[in-house]
């Protein structure tokens, strides 16, 4: 499990900008 956790932890910094952008898009759609 440790190897898997390390793998996901290394992917987190790459996924954060994508998820934040998706969140902003969803918020904009909800506001409109």
PDB file of N, CA and C in Angstrom:
ATOM      1  N   UNK A   1       0.846  -1.207   0.000  1.00  0.00           N
ATOM      2  CA  UNK A   1       0.000   0.000   0.000  1.00  0.00           C
ATOM      3  C   UNK A   1       0.878   1.253   0.000  1.00  0.00           C
ATOM      4  N   UNK A   2       2.050   1.167   0.614  1.00  0.00           N
ATOM      5  CA  UNK A   2       2.930   2.343   0.681  1.00  0.00           C
ATOM      6  C   UNK A   2       3.323   2.796  -0.722  1.00  0.00           C
ATOM      7  N   UNK A   3       3.653   1.838  -1.592  1.00  0.00           N
ATOM      8  CA  UNK A   3       4.052   2.208  -2.956  1.00  0.00           C
ATOM      9  C   UNK A   3       2.898   2.896  -3.669  1.00  0.00           C
ATOM     10  N   UNK A   4       1.693   2.382  -3.454  1.00  0.00           N
ATOM     11  CA  UNK A   4       0.522   2.979  -4.106  1.00  0.00           C
ATOM     12  C   UNK A   4       0.307   4.399  -3.596  1.00  0.00           C
ATOM     13  N   UNK A   5       0.438   4.577  -2.276  1.00  0.00           N
ATOM     14  CA  UNK A   5       0.250   5.912  -1.702  1.00  0.00           C
ATOM     15  C   UNK A   5       1.279   6.884  -2.258  1.00  0.00           C
ATOM     16  N   UNK A   6       2.529   6.429  -2.368  1.00  0.00           N
ATOM     17  CA  UNK A   6       3.583   7.303  -2.911  1.00  0.00           C
ATOM     18  C   UNK A   6       3.265   7.662  -4.354  1.00  0.00           C
ATOM     19  N   UNK A   7       2.730   6.702  -5.098  1.00  0.00           N
ATOM     20  CA  UNK A   7       2.398   6.946  -6.503  1.00  0.00           C
ATOM     21  C   UNK A   7       1.333   8.035  -6.600  1.00  0.00           C
ATOM     22  N   UNK A   8       0.278   7.917  -5.786  1.00  0.00           N
ATOM     23  CA  UNK A   8      -0.783   8.922  -5.837  1.00  0.00           C
ATOM     24  C   UNK A   8      -0.291  10.271  -5.327  1.00  0.00           C
ATOM     25  N   UNK A   9       0.549  10.244  -4.293  1.00  0.00           N
ATOM     26  CA  UNK A   9       1.082  11.497  -3.757  1.00  0.00           C
ATOM     27  C   UNK A   9       1.890  12.228  -4.821  1.00  0.00           C
ATOM     28  N   UNK A  10       2.586  11.486  -5.676  1.00  0.00           N
ATOM     29  CA  UNK A  10       3.380  12.111  -6.743  1.00  0.00           C
ATOM     30  C   UNK A  10       2.462  12.665  -7.824  1.00  0.00           C
ATOM     31  N   UNK A  11       1.255  12.107  -7.943  1.00  0.00           N
ATOM     32  CA  UNK A  11       0.315  12.582  -8.964  1.00  0.00           C
ATOM     33  C   UNK A  11      -0.500  13.773  -8.466  1.00  0.00           C
ATOM     34  N   UNK A  12      -0.611  13.913  -7.142  1.00  0.00           N
ATOM     35  CA  UNK A  12      -1.434  14.993  -6.579  1.00  0.00           C
ATOM     36  C   UNK A  12      -1.049  16.367  -7.126  1.00  0.00           C
ATOM     37  N   UNK A  13       0.235  16.774  -7.080  1.00  0.00           N
ATOM     38  CA  UNK A  13       0.600  18.114  -7.565  1.00  0.00           C
ATOM     39  C   UNK A  13       0.191  18.329  -9.016  1.00  0.00           C
ATOM     40  N   UNK A  14       0.150  17.267  -9.813  1.00  0.00           N
ATOM     41  CA  UNK A  14      -0.246  17.408 -11.217  1.00  0.00           C
ATOM     42  C   UNK A  14      -1.759  17.512 -11.347  1.00  0.00           C
ATOM     43  N   UNK A  15      -2.483  16.855 -10.457  1.00  0.00           N
ATOM     44  CA  UNK A  15      -3.941  16.814 -10.559  1.00  0.00           C
ATOM     45  C   UNK A  15      -4.591  18.055  -9.951  1.00  0.00           C
ATOM     46  N   UNK A  16      -3.922  18.697  -9.003  1.00  0.00           N
ATOM     47  CA  UNK A  16      -4.521  19.854  -8.318  1.00  0.00           C
ATOM     48  C   UNK A  16      -4.962  20.943  -9.293  1.00  0.00           C
ATOM     49  N   UNK A  17      -4.096  21.415 -10.208  1.00  0.00           N
ATOM     50  CA  UNK A  17      -4.522  22.473 -11.130  1.00  0.00           C
ATOM     51  C   UNK A  17      -5.716  22.052 -11.974  1.00  0.00           C
ATOM     52  N   UNK A  18      -5.756  20.790 -12.377  1.00  0.00           N
ATOM     53  CA  UNK A  18      -6.867  20.312 -13.212  1.00  0.00           C
ATOM     54  C   UNK A  18      -8.164  20.309 -12.409  1.00  0.00           C
ATOM     55  N   UNK A  19      -8.114  19.794 -11.198  1.00  0.00           N
ATOM     56  CA  UNK A  19      -9.318  19.718 -10.380  1.00  0.00           C
ATOM     57  C   UNK A  19      -9.794  21.116  -9.995  1.00  0.00           C
ATOM     58  N   UNK A  20      -8.858  22.030  -9.745  1.00  0.00           N
ATOM     59  CA  UNK A  20      -9.228  23.401  -9.375  1.00  0.00           C
ATOM     60  C   UNK A  20      -9.896  24.086 -10.558  1.00  0.00           C
ATOM     61  N   UNK A  21      -9.382  23.836 -11.770  1.00  0.00           N
ATOM     62  CA  UNK A  21      -9.985  24.436 -12.960  1.00  0.00           C
ATOM     63  C   UNK A  21     -11.388  23.881 -13.166  1.00  0.00           C
ATOM     64  N   UNK A  22     -11.555  22.584 -12.978  1.00  0.00           N
ATOM     65  CA  UNK A  22     -12.879  21.973 -13.136  1.00  0.00           C
ATOM     66  C   UNK A  22     -13.835  22.543 -12.098  1.00  0.00           C
ATOM     67  N   UNK A  23     -13.351  22.763 -10.887  1.00  0.00           N
ATOM     68  CA  UNK A  23     -14.195  23.314  -9.833  1.00  0.00           C
ATOM     69  C   UNK A  23     -14.648  24.721 -10.203  1.00  0.00           C
ATOM     70  N   UNK A  24     -13.740  25.521 -10.750  1.00  0.00           N
ATOM     71  CA  UNK A  24     -14.093  26.885 -11.154  1.00  0.00           C
ATOM     72  C   UNK A  24     -15.138  26.852 -12.258  1.00  0.00           C
ATOM     73  N   UNK A  25     -14.980  25.940 -13.210  1.00  0.00           N
ATOM     74  CA  UNK A  25     -15.951  25.833 -14.307  1.00  0.00           C
ATOM     75  C   UNK A  25     -17.323  25.455 -13.766  1.00  0.00           C
ATOM     76  N   UNK A  26     -17.368  24.506 -12.850  1.00  0.00           N
ATOM     77  CA  UNK A  26     -18.642  24.081 -12.277  1.00  0.00           C
ATOM     78  C   UNK A  26     -19.290  25.225 -11.507  1.00  0.00           C
ATOM     79  N   UNK A  27     -18.492  25.993 -10.758  1.00  0.00           N
ATOM     80  CA  UNK A  27     -19.035  27.120 -10.005  1.00  0.00           C
ATOM     81  C   UNK A  27     -19.591  28.169 -10.957  1.00  0.00           C
ATOM     82  N   UNK A  28     -18.906  28.411 -12.070  1.00  0.00           N
ATOM     83  CA  UNK A  28     -19.380  29.397 -13.042  1.00  0.00           C
ATOM     84  C   UNK A  28     -20.696  28.941 -13.653  1.00  0.00           C
ATOM     85  N   UNK A  29     -20.799  27.645 -13.933  1.00  0.00           N
ATOM     86  CA  UNK A  29     -22.040  27.120 -14.515  1.00  0.00           C
ATOM     87  C   UNK A  29     -23.180  27.257 -13.523  1.00  0.00           C
ATOM     88  N   UNK A  30     -22.896  27.013 -12.247  1.00  0.00           N
ATOM     89  CA  UNK A  30     -23.938  27.119 -11.225  1.00  0.00           C
ATOM     90  C   UNK A  30     -24.377  28.569 -11.067  1.00  0.00           C
ATOM     91  N   UNK A  31     -23.424  29.492 -11.165  1.00  0.00           N
ATOM     92  CA  UNK A  31     -23.762  30.910 -11.013  1.00  0.00           C
ATOM     93  C   UNK A  31     -24.613  31.387 -12.185  1.00  0.00           C
ATOM     94  N   UNK A  32     -24.320  30.867 -13.383  1.00  0.00           N
ATOM     95  CA  UNK A  32     -25.088  31.285 -14.563  1.00  0.00           C
ATOM     96  C   UNK A  32     -26.452  30.585 -14.520  1.00  0.00           C
TER      97      UNK A  32
END
